[in-house]
Amino acid sequence: MSIQRIVCFKFKAGASQEAIRQHMQDFAGMMSEIPQILEYRGGFTGPGDDNRMPDYDCMHYMVFDGMDDIEIYRPHPAHMRFIECNKAVWENVLVLNAEI
């Protein structure tokens, strides 16, 4: 059974456009380094159906074969490097997993 993983980020006030661009580039780059990521898409959030701005600034969508692959991804050096290089600009992070 496949698992979709959605990771949303709220950037700190004052985060530079360069730091945000680097975050997006670094997250997308994990797909080429972590074979357990079967699919990846990411982008900036926009207003919802009620035209209200969302609580998070961007979201990343990944697909894995199962939870075992997520457990390989989580401590993977590329993922740990992404966190270390980008965490200074995050105010909040939301992670959701769902069976698909």
PDB file of N, CA and C in Angstrom:
ATOM      1  N   MET A   1       0.834  -1.180   0.000  1.00  0.00           N
ATOM      2  CA  MET A   1       0.000   0.000   0.000  1.00  0.00           C
ATOM      3  C   MET A   1       0.885   1.251   0.000  1.00  0.00           C
ATOM      4  N   SER A   2       0.645   2.154  -0.933  1.00  0.00           N
ATOM      5  CA  SER A   2       1.431   3.383  -1.032  1.00  0.00           C
ATOM      6  C   SER A   2       1.014   4.371   0.048  1.00  0.00           C
ATOM      7  N   ILE A   3       1.968   5.226   0.394  1.00  0.00           N
ATOM      8  CA  ILE A   3       1.738   6.277   1.385  1.00  0.00           C
ATOM      9  C   ILE A   3       2.055   7.616   0.739  1.00  0.00           C
ATOM     10  N   GLN A   4       1.127   8.553   0.869  1.00  0.00           N
ATOM     11  CA  GLN A   4       1.436   9.920   0.464  1.00  0.00           C
ATOM     12  C   GLN A   4       1.854  10.689   1.711  1.00  0.00           C
ATOM     13  N   ARG A   5       2.861  11.503   1.561  1.00  0.00           N
ATOM     14  CA  ARG A   5       3.371  12.311   2.674  1.00  0.00           C
ATOM     15  C   ARG A   5       3.325  13.760   2.218  1.00  0.00           C
ATOM     16  N   ILE A   6       2.643  14.581   2.986  1.00  0.00           N
ATOM     17  CA  ILE A   6       2.555  16.005   2.699  1.00  0.00           C
ATOM     18  C   ILE A   6       3.265  16.738   3.825  1.00  0.00           C
ATOM     19  N   VAL A   7       4.206  17.588   3.450  1.00  0.00           N
ATOM     20  CA  VAL A   7       4.976  18.364   4.423  1.00  0.00           C
ATOM     21  C   VAL A   7       4.760  19.837   4.101  1.00  0.00           C
ATOM     22  N   CYS A   8       4.219  20.573   5.072  1.00  0.00           N
ATOM     23  CA  CYS A   8       3.928  21.999   4.906  1.00  0.00           C
ATOM     24  C   CYS A   8       4.861  22.804   5.799  1.00  0.00           C
ATOM     25  N   PHE A   9       5.293  23.948   5.290  1.00  0.00           N
ATOM     26  CA  PHE A   9       6.203  24.821   6.035  1.00  0.00           C
ATOM     27  C   PHE A   9       5.641  26.232   6.104  1.00  0.00           C
ATOM     28  N   LYS A  10       5.772  26.825   7.268  1.00  0.00           N
ATOM     29  CA  LYS A  10       5.532  28.249   7.478  1.00  0.00           C
ATOM     30  C   LYS A  10       6.901  28.878   7.682  1.00  0.00           C
ATOM     31  N   PHE A  11       7.260  29.845   6.838  1.00  0.00           N
ATOM     32  CA  PHE A  11       8.553  30.494   6.968  1.00  0.00           C
ATOM     33  C   PHE A  11       8.489  31.602   8.015  1.00  0.00           C
ATOM     34  N   LYS A  12       9.604  31.830   8.667  1.00  0.00           N
ATOM     35  CA  LYS A  12       9.695  32.910   9.642  1.00  0.00           C
ATOM     36  C   LYS A  12       9.523  34.251   8.932  1.00  0.00           C
ATOM     37  N   ALA A  13       8.923  35.198   9.646  1.00  0.00           N
ATOM     38  CA  ALA A  13       8.823  36.561   9.117  1.00  0.00           C
ATOM     39  C   ALA A  13      10.237  37.057   8.835  1.00  0.00           C
ATOM     40  N   GLY A  14      10.414  37.672   7.714  1.00  0.00           N
ATOM     41  CA  GLY A  14      11.727  38.196   7.364  1.00  0.00           C
ATOM     42  C   GLY A  14      12.643  37.212   6.663  1.00  0.00           C
ATOM     43  N   ALA A  15      12.173  35.967   6.444  1.00  0.00           N
ATOM     44  CA  ALA A  15      12.993  35.008   5.694  1.00  0.00           C
ATOM     45  C   ALA A  15      13.236  35.574   4.296  1.00  0.00           C
ATOM     46  N   SER A  16      14.463  35.544   3.860  1.00  0.00           N
ATOM     47  CA  SER A  16      14.799  36.124   2.553  1.00  0.00           C
ATOM     48  C   SER A  16      14.246  35.263   1.416  1.00  0.00           C
ATOM     49  N   GLN A  17      13.999  35.905   0.282  1.00  0.00           N
ATOM     50  CA  GLN A  17      13.554  35.169  -0.899  1.00  0.00           C
ATOM     51  C   GLN A  17      14.597  34.146  -1.328  1.00  0.00           C
ATOM     52  N   GLU A  18      15.866  34.469  -1.146  1.00  0.00           N
ATOM     53  CA  GLU A  18      16.930  33.529  -1.485  1.00  0.00           C
ATOM     54  C   GLU A  18      16.864  32.290  -0.593  1.00  0.00           C
ATOM     55  N   ALA A  19      16.628  32.480   0.711  1.00  0.00           N
ATOM     56  CA  ALA A  19      16.532  31.341   1.632  1.00  0.00           C
ATOM     57  C   ALA A  19      15.319  30.475   1.303  1.00  0.00           C
ATOM     58  N   ILE A  20      14.217  31.099   0.933  1.00  0.00           N
ATOM     59  CA  ILE A  20      13.009  30.357   0.567  1.00  0.00           C
ATOM     60  C   ILE A  20      13.249  29.594  -0.739  1.00  0.00           C
ATOM     61  N   ARG A  21      13.879  30.237  -1.708  1.00  0.00           N
ATOM     62  CA  ARG A  21      14.212  29.564  -2.970  1.00  0.00           C
ATOM     63  C   ARG A  21      15.118  28.360  -2.709  1.00  0.00           C
ATOM     64  N   GLN A  22      16.105  28.541  -1.826  1.00  0.00           N
ATOM     65  CA  GLN A  22      17.021  27.456  -1.491  1.00  0.00           C
ATOM     66  C   GLN A  22      16.278  26.294  -0.835  1.00  0.00           C
ATOM     67  N   HIS A  23      15.342  26.600   0.068  1.00  0.00           N
ATOM     68  CA  HIS A  23      14.521  25.570   0.713  1.00  0.00           C
ATOM     69  C   HIS A  23      13.791  24.743  -0.350  1.00  0.00           C
ATOM     70  N   MET A  24      13.125  25.421  -1.285  1.00  0.00           N
ATOM     71  CA  MET A  24      12.353  24.716  -2.317  1.00  0.00           C
ATOM     72  C   MET A  24      13.268  23.864  -3.186  1.00  0.00           C
ATOM     73  N   GLN A  25      14.394  24.404  -3.567  1.00  0.00           N
ATOM     74  CA  GLN A  25      15.352  23.676  -4.405  1.00  0.00           C
ATOM     75  C   GLN A  25      15.915  22.467  -3.654  1.00  0.00           C
ATOM     76  N   ASP A  26      16.287  22.664  -2.404  1.00  0.00           N
ATOM     77  CA  ASP A  26      16.860  21.566  -1.611  1.00  0.00           C
ATOM     78  C   ASP A  26      15.855  20.445  -1.386  1.00  0.00           C
ATOM     79  N   PHE A  27      14.593  20.799  -1.114  1.00  0.00           N
ATOM     80  CA  PHE A  27      13.589  19.751  -0.895  1.00  0.00           C
ATOM     81  C   PHE A  27      13.401  18.952  -2.183  1.00  0.00           C
ATOM     82  N   ALA A  28      13.228  19.633  -3.298  1.00  0.00           N
ATOM     83  CA  ALA A  28      13.038  18.944  -4.578  1.00  0.00           C
ATOM     84  C   ALA A  28      14.238  18.064  -4.904  1.00  0.00           C
ATOM     85  N   GLY A  29      15.431  18.505  -4.536  1.00  0.00           N
ATOM     86  CA  GLY A  29      16.649  17.755  -4.824  1.00  0.00           C
ATOM     87  C   GLY A  29      16.753  16.424  -4.107  1.00  0.00           C
ATOM     88  N   MET A  30      15.990  16.261  -3.017  1.00  0.00           N
ATOM     89  CA  MET A  30      16.050  14.987  -2.295  1.00  0.00           C
ATOM     90  C   MET A  30      15.564  13.824  -3.144  1.00  0.00           C
ATOM     91  N   MET A  31      14.675  14.072  -4.097  1.00  0.00           N
ATOM     92  CA  MET A  31      14.155  12.974  -4.913  1.00  0.00           C
ATOM     93  C   MET A  31      15.268  12.278  -5.679  1.00  0.00           C
ATOM     94  N   SER A  32      16.260  13.019  -6.133  1.00  0.00           N
ATOM     95  CA  SER A  32      17.346  12.399  -6.892  1.00  0.00           C
ATOM     96  C   SER A  32      18.335  11.677  -5.983  1.00  0.00           C
ATOM     97  N   GLU A  33      18.275  11.916  -4.684  1.00  0.00           N
ATOM     98  CA  GLU A  33      19.207  11.289  -3.748  1.00  0.00           C
ATOM     99  C   GLU A  33      18.590  10.175  -2.911  1.00  0.00           C
ATOM    100  N   ILE A  34      17.266  10.169  -2.796  1.00  0.00           N
ATOM    101  CA  ILE A  34      16.596   9.188  -1.939  1.00  0.00           C
ATOM    102  C   ILE A  34      15.674   8.344  -2.814  1.00  0.00           C
ATOM    103  N   PRO A  35      16.092   7.121  -3.151  1.00  0.00           N
ATOM    104  CA  PRO A  35      15.308   6.311  -4.091  1.00  0.00           C
ATOM    105  C   PRO A  35      13.931   5.905  -3.566  1.00  0.00           C
ATOM    106  N   GLN A  36      13.704   5.983  -2.289  1.00  0.00           N
ATOM    107  CA  GLN A  36      12.401   5.615  -1.720  1.00  0.00           C
ATOM    108  C   GLN A  36      11.310   6.628  -2.081  1.00  0.00           C
ATOM    109  N   ILE A  37      11.688   7.846  -2.492  1.00  0.00           N
ATOM    110  CA  ILE A  37      10.700   8.834  -2.921  1.00  0.00           C
ATOM    111  C   ILE A  37      10.312   8.496  -4.356  1.00  0.00           C
ATOM    112  N   LEU A  38       9.085   8.014  -4.543  1.00  0.00           N
ATOM    113  CA  LEU A  38       8.618   7.593  -5.865  1.00  0.00           C
ATOM    114  C   LEU A  38       8.101   8.752  -6.695  1.00  0.00           C
ATOM    115  N   GLU A  39       7.468   9.713  -6.044  1.00  0.00           N
ATOM    116  CA  GLU A  39       6.934  10.896  -6.715  1.00  0.00           C
ATOM    117  C   GLU A  39       7.196  12.095  -5.830  1.00  0.00           C
ATOM    118  N   TYR A  40       7.354  13.256  -6.459  1.00  0.00           N
ATOM    119  CA  TYR A  40       7.501  14.489  -5.694  1.00  0.00           C
ATOM    120  C   TYR A  40       6.874  15.641  -6.476  1.00  0.00           C
ATOM    121  N   ARG A  41       6.170  16.483  -5.758  1.00  0.00           N
ATOM    122  CA  ARG A  41       5.680  17.763  -6.273  1.00  0.00           C
ATOM    123  C   ARG A  41       5.748  18.748  -5.116  1.00  0.00           C
ATOM    124  N   GLY A  42       5.956  19.992  -5.423  1.00  0.00           N
ATOM    125  CA  GLY A  42       5.987  21.001  -4.378  1.00  0.00           C
ATOM    126  C   GLY A  42       5.636  22.361  -4.935  1.00  0.00           C
ATOM    127  N   GLY A  43       5.179  23.236  -4.059  1.00  0.00           N
ATOM    128  CA  GLY A  43       4.859  24.583  -4.497  1.00  0.00           C
ATOM    129  C   GLY A  43       4.392  25.446  -3.350  1.00  0.00           C
ATOM    130  N   PHE A  44       4.128  26.689  -3.680  1.00  0.00           N
ATOM    131  CA  PHE A  44       3.646  27.651  -2.700  1.00  0.00           C
ATOM    132  C   PHE A  44       2.132  27.559  -2.587  1.00  0.00           C
ATOM    133  N   THR A  45       1.627  27.781  -1.400  1.00  0.00           N
ATOM    134  CA  THR A  45       0.191  27.706  -1.161  1.00  0.00           C
ATOM    135  C   THR A  45      -0.479  29.008  -1.587  1.00  0.00           C
ATOM    136  N   GLY A  46      -1.779  28.936  -1.807  1.00  0.00           N
ATOM    137  CA  GLY A  46      -2.582  30.097  -2.162  1.00  0.00           C
ATOM    138  C   GLY A  46      -3.862  30.103  -1.355  1.00  0.00           C
ATOM    139  N   PRO A  47      -4.712  31.077  -1.601  1.00  0.00           N
ATOM    140  CA  PRO A  47      -5.969  31.158  -0.847  1.00  0.00           C
ATOM    141  C   PRO A  47      -6.818  29.902  -1.030  1.00  0.00           C
ATOM    142  N   GLY A  48      -7.535  29.550   0.019  1.00  0.00           N
ATOM    143  CA  GLY A  48      -8.425  28.392  -0.023  1.00  0.00           C
ATOM    144  C   GLY A  48      -9.778  28.745  -0.622  1.00  0.00           C
ATOM    145  N   ASP A  49     -10.715  27.816  -0.517  1.00  0.00           N
ATOM    146  CA  ASP A  49     -12.047  28.011  -1.093  1.00  0.00           C
ATOM    147  C   ASP A  49     -12.753  29.229  -0.512  1.00  0.00           C
ATOM    148  N   ASP A  50     -12.470  29.547   0.732  1.00  0.00           N
ATOM    149  CA  ASP A  50     -13.109  30.702   1.366  1.00  0.00           C
ATOM    150  C   ASP A  50     -12.299  31.984   1.158  1.00  0.00           C
ATOM    151  N   ASN A  51     -11.290  31.912   0.266  1.00  0.00           N
ATOM    152  CA  ASN A  51     -10.405  33.022  -0.073  1.00  0.00           C
ATOM    153  C   ASN A  51      -9.528  33.469   1.094  1.00  0.00           C
ATOM    154  N   ARG A  52      -9.444  32.619   2.117  1.00  0.00           N
ATOM    155  CA  ARG A  52      -8.590  32.909   3.273  1.00  0.00           C
ATOM    156  C   ARG A  52      -7.196  32.363   3.000  1.00  0.00           C
ATOM    157  N   MET A  53      -6.186  33.100   3.415  1.00  0.00           N
ATOM    158  CA  MET A  53      -4.809  32.650   3.224  1.00  0.00           C
ATOM    159  C   MET A  53      -4.520  31.464   4.153  1.00  0.00           C
ATOM    160  N   PRO A  54      -3.768  30.488   3.670  1.00  0.00           N
ATOM    161  CA  PRO A  54      -3.469  29.303   4.479  1.00  0.00           C
ATOM    162  C   PRO A  54      -2.471  29.606   5.596  1.00  0.00           C
ATOM    163  N   ASP A  55      -2.394  28.693   6.545  1.00  0.00           N
ATOM    164  CA  ASP A  55      -1.471  28.830   7.672  1.00  0.00           C
ATOM    165  C   ASP A  55      -0.026  28.527   7.282  1.00  0.00           C
ATOM    166  N   TYR A  56       0.173  27.855   6.155  1.00  0.00           N
ATOM    167  CA  TYR A  56       1.513  27.448   5.721  1.00  0.00           C
ATOM    168  C   TYR A  56       1.826  28.076   4.376  1.00  0.00           C
ATOM    169  N   ASP A  57       3.107  28.351   4.136  1.00  0.00           N
ATOM    170  CA  ASP A  57       3.539  29.052   2.930  1.00  0.00           C
ATOM    171  C   ASP A  57       3.807  28.144   1.737  1.00  0.00           C
ATOM    172  N   CYS A  58       4.210  26.907   1.996  1.00  0.00           N
ATOM    173  CA  CYS A  58       4.488  25.982   0.901  1.00  0.00           C
ATOM    174  C   CYS A  58       4.169  24.568   1.355  1.00  0.00           C
ATOM    175  N   MET A  59       4.023  23.697   0.366  1.00  0.00           N
ATOM    176  CA  MET A  59       3.792  22.288   0.685  1.00  0.00           C
ATOM    177  C   MET A  59       4.546  21.418  -0.301  1.00  0.00           C
ATOM    178  N   HIS A  60       4.947  20.270   0.208  1.00  0.00           N
ATOM    179  CA  HIS A  60       5.668  19.278  -0.592  1.00  0.00           C
ATOM    180  C   HIS A  60       4.892  17.970  -0.492  1.00  0.00           C
ATOM    181  N   TYR A  61       4.684  17.334  -1.628  1.00  0.00           N
ATOM    182  CA  TYR A  61       3.912  16.097  -1.717  1.00  0.00           C
ATOM    183  C   TYR A  61       4.834  15.007  -2.239  1.00  0.00           C
ATOM    184  N   MET A  62       4.905  13.895  -1.484  1.00  0.00           N
ATOM    185  CA  MET A  62       5.736  12.764  -1.900  1.00  0.00           C
ATOM    186  C   MET A  62       4.913  11.483  -1.822  1.00  0.00           C
ATOM    187  N   VAL A  63       5.316  10.496  -2.592  1.00  0.00           N
ATOM    188  CA  VAL A  63       4.707   9.170  -2.530  1.00  0.00           C
ATOM    189  C   VAL A  63       5.810   8.159  -2.251  1.00  0.00           C
ATOM    190  N   PHE A  64       5.501   7.246  -1.325  1.00  0.00           N
ATOM    191  CA  PHE A  64       6.405   6.153  -0.950  1.00  0.00           C
ATOM    192  C   PHE A  64       5.654   4.835  -1.100  1.00  0.00           C
ATOM    193  N   ASP A  65       6.402   3.733  -1.247  1.00  0.00           N
ATOM    194  CA  ASP A  65       5.776   2.408  -1.326  1.00  0.00           C
ATOM    195  C   ASP A  65       5.092   2.009  -0.025  1.00  0.00           C
ATOM    196  N   GLY A  66       5.562   2.503   1.102  1.00  0.00           N
ATOM    197  CA  GLY A  66       4.968   2.167   2.391  1.00  0.00           C
ATOM    198  C   GLY A  66       5.705   2.855   3.522  1.00  0.00           C
ATOM    199  N   MET A  67       5.251   2.627   4.735  1.00  0.00           N
ATOM    200  CA  MET A  67       5.853   3.266   5.906  1.00  0.00           C
ATOM    201  C   MET A  67       7.302   2.841   6.105  1.00  0.00           C
ATOM    202  N   ASP A  68       7.653   1.622   5.701  1.00  0.00           N
ATOM    203  CA  ASP A  68       9.051   1.194   5.820  1.00  0.00           C
ATOM    204  C   ASP A  68       9.969   2.117   5.020  1.00  0.00           C
ATOM    205  N   ASP A  69       9.511   2.550   3.849  1.00  0.00           N
ATOM    206  CA  ASP A  69      10.332   3.460   3.040  1.00  0.00           C
ATOM    207  C   ASP A  69      10.420   4.851   3.669  1.00  0.00           C
ATOM    208  N   ILE A  70       9.365   5.280   4.348  1.00  0.00           N
ATOM    209  CA  ILE A  70       9.429   6.561   5.062  1.00  0.00           C
ATOM    210  C   ILE A  70      10.435   6.462   6.201  1.00  0.00           C
ATOM    211  N   GLU A  71      10.511   5.316   6.846  1.00  0.00           N
ATOM    212  CA  GLU A  71      11.474   5.131   7.935  1.00  0.00           C
ATOM    213  C   GLU A  71      12.916   5.114   7.416  1.00  0.00           C
ATOM    214  N   ILE A  72      13.104   4.787   6.152  1.00  0.00           N
ATOM    215  CA  ILE A  72      14.438   4.891   5.529  1.00  0.00           C
ATOM    216  C   ILE A  72      14.711   6.349   5.167  1.00  0.00           C
ATOM    217  N   TYR A  73      13.701   7.033   4.640  1.00  0.00           N
ATOM    218  CA  TYR A  73      13.825   8.438   4.231  1.00  0.00           C
ATOM    219  C   TYR A  73      14.142   9.363   5.410  1.00  0.00           C
ATOM    220  N   ARG A  74      13.453   9.172   6.520  1.00  0.00           N
ATOM    221  CA  ARG A  74      13.570  10.120   7.641  1.00  0.00           C
ATOM    222  C   ARG A  74      15.012  10.336   8.100  1.00  0.00           C
ATOM    223  N   PRO A  75      15.814   9.278   8.368  1.00  0.00           N
ATOM    224  CA  PRO A  75      17.193   9.526   8.811  1.00  0.00           C
ATOM    225  C   PRO A  75      18.218   9.588   7.665  1.00  0.00           C
ATOM    226  N   HIS A  76      17.746   9.518   6.424  1.00  0.00           N
ATOM    227  CA  HIS A  76      18.654   9.519   5.281  1.00  0.00           C
ATOM    228  C   HIS A  76      19.544  10.769   5.324  1.00  0.00           C
ATOM    229  N   PRO A  77      20.827  10.637   5.007  1.00  0.00           N
ATOM    230  CA  PRO A  77      21.732  11.795   5.055  1.00  0.00           C
ATOM    231  C   PRO A  77      21.250  12.999   4.235  1.00  0.00           C
ATOM    232  N   ALA A  78      20.631  12.772   3.075  1.00  0.00           N
ATOM    233  CA  ALA A  78      20.134  13.892   2.265  1.00  0.00           C
ATOM    234  C   ALA A  78      19.003  14.626   2.975  1.00  0.00           C
ATOM    235  N   HIS A  79      18.134  13.886   3.644  1.00  0.00           N
ATOM    236  CA  HIS A  79      17.036  14.504   4.400  1.00  0.00           C
ATOM    237  C   HIS A  79      17.581  15.257   5.607  1.00  0.00           C
ATOM    238  N   MET A  80      18.518  14.654   6.302  1.00  0.00           N
ATOM    239  CA  MET A  80      19.109  15.311   7.475  1.00  0.00           C
ATOM    240  C   MET A  80      19.862  16.583   7.051  1.00  0.00           C
ATOM    241  N   ARG A  81      20.519  16.542   5.906  1.00  0.00           N
ATOM    242  CA  ARG A  81      21.224  17.716   5.390  1.00  0.00           C
ATOM    243  C   ARG A  81      20.228  18.819   5.029  1.00  0.00           C
ATOM    244  N   PHE A  82      19.101  18.441   4.403  1.00  0.00           N
ATOM    245  CA  PHE A  82      18.054  19.414   4.087  1.00  0.00           C
ATOM    246  C   PHE A  82      17.580  20.118   5.354  1.00  0.00           C
ATOM    247  N   ILE A  83      17.301  19.344   6.393  1.00  0.00           N
ATOM    248  CA  ILE A  83      16.827  19.936   7.654  1.00  0.00           C
ATOM    249  C   ILE A  83      17.869  20.894   8.218  1.00  0.00           C
ATOM    250  N   GLU A  84      19.086  20.438   8.318  1.00  0.00           N
ATOM    251  CA  GLU A  84      20.150  21.252   8.923  1.00  0.00           C
ATOM    252  C   GLU A  84      20.371  22.556   8.155  1.00  0.00           C
ATOM    253  N   CYS A  85      20.319  22.491   6.844  1.00  0.00           N
ATOM    254  CA  CYS A  85      20.595  23.672   6.021  1.00  0.00           C
ATOM    255  C   CYS A  85      19.432  24.659   5.961  1.00  0.00           C
ATOM    256  N   ASN A  86      18.216  24.213   6.271  1.00  0.00           N
ATOM    257  CA  ASN A  86      17.039  25.055   6.056  1.00  0.00           C
ATOM    258  C   ASN A  86      16.223  25.375   7.294  1.00  0.00           C
ATOM    259  N   LYS A  87      16.429  24.689   8.399  1.00  0.00           N
ATOM    260  CA  LYS A  87      15.555  24.846   9.566  1.00  0.00           C
ATOM    261  C   LYS A  87      15.549  26.252  10.163  1.00  0.00           C
ATOM    262  N   ALA A  88      16.571  27.024   9.921  1.00  0.00           N
ATOM    263  CA  ALA A  88      16.643  28.370  10.493  1.00  0.00           C
ATOM    264  C   ALA A  88      15.552  29.289   9.952  1.00  0.00           C
ATOM    265  N   VAL A  89      14.963  28.976   8.795  1.00  0.00           N
ATOM    266  CA  VAL A  89      13.934  29.853   8.230  1.00  0.00           C
ATOM    267  C   VAL A  89      12.510  29.352   8.481  1.00  0.00           C
ATOM    268  N   TRP A  90      12.360  28.253   9.223  1.00  0.00           N
ATOM    269  CA  TRP A  90      11.025  27.698   9.467  1.00  0.00           C
ATOM    270  C   TRP A  90      10.453  28.208  10.785  1.00  0.00           C
ATOM    271  N   GLU A  91       9.215  28.612  10.721  1.00  0.00           N
ATOM    272  CA  GLU A  91       8.469  28.940  11.936  1.00  0.00           C
ATOM    273  C   GLU A  91       7.695  27.719  12.422  1.00  0.00           C
ATOM    274  N   ASN A  92       7.162  26.960  11.463  1.00  0.00           N
ATOM    275  CA  ASN A  92       6.357  25.794  11.823  1.00  0.00           C
ATOM    276  C   ASN A  92       6.404  24.791  10.669  1.00  0.00           C
ATOM    277  N   VAL A  93       6.222  23.511  11.026  1.00  0.00           N
ATOM    278  CA  VAL A  93       6.211  22.422  10.046  1.00  0.00           C
ATOM    279  C   VAL A  93       5.040  21.493  10.380  1.00  0.00           C
ATOM    280  N   LEU A  94       4.341  21.060   9.356  1.00  0.00           N
ATOM    281  CA  LEU A  94       3.247  20.100   9.506  1.00  0.00           C
ATOM    282  C   LEU A  94       3.525  18.925   8.585  1.00  0.00           C
ATOM    283  N   VAL A  95       3.460  17.698   9.122  1.00  0.00           N
ATOM    284  CA  VAL A  95       3.691  16.491   8.331  1.00  0.00           C
ATOM    285  C   VAL A  95       2.453  15.612   8.440  1.00  0.00           C
ATOM    286  N   LEU A  96       1.945  15.176   7.288  1.00  0.00           N
ATOM    287  CA  LEU A  96       0.772  14.301   7.228  1.00  0.00           C
ATOM    288  C   LEU A  96       1.103  13.104   6.351  1.00  0.00           C
ATOM    289  N   ASN A  97       0.737  11.910   6.785  1.00  0.00           N
ATOM    290  CA  ASN A  97       0.866  10.681   5.993  1.00  0.00           C
ATOM    291  C   ASN A  97      -0.522  10.100   5.800  1.00  0.00           C
ATOM    292  N   ALA A  98      -0.791   9.568   4.617  1.00  0.00           N
ATOM    293  CA  ALA A  98      -2.070   8.925   4.351  1.00  0.00           C
ATOM    294  C   ALA A  98      -1.868   7.757   3.408  1.00  0.00           C
ATOM    295  N   GLU A  99      -2.643   6.717   3.612  1.00  0.00           N
ATOM    296  CA  GLU A  99      -2.623   5.568   2.707  1.00  0.00           C
ATOM    297  C   GLU A  99      -3.341   5.953   1.426  1.00  0.00           C
ATOM    298  N   ILE A 100      -2.771   5.521   0.292  1.00  0.00           N
ATOM    299  CA  ILE A 100      -3.442   5.767  -0.997  1.00  0.00           C
ATOM    300  C   ILE A 100      -3.514   4.482  -1.792  1.00  0.00           C
TER     301      ILE A 100
END
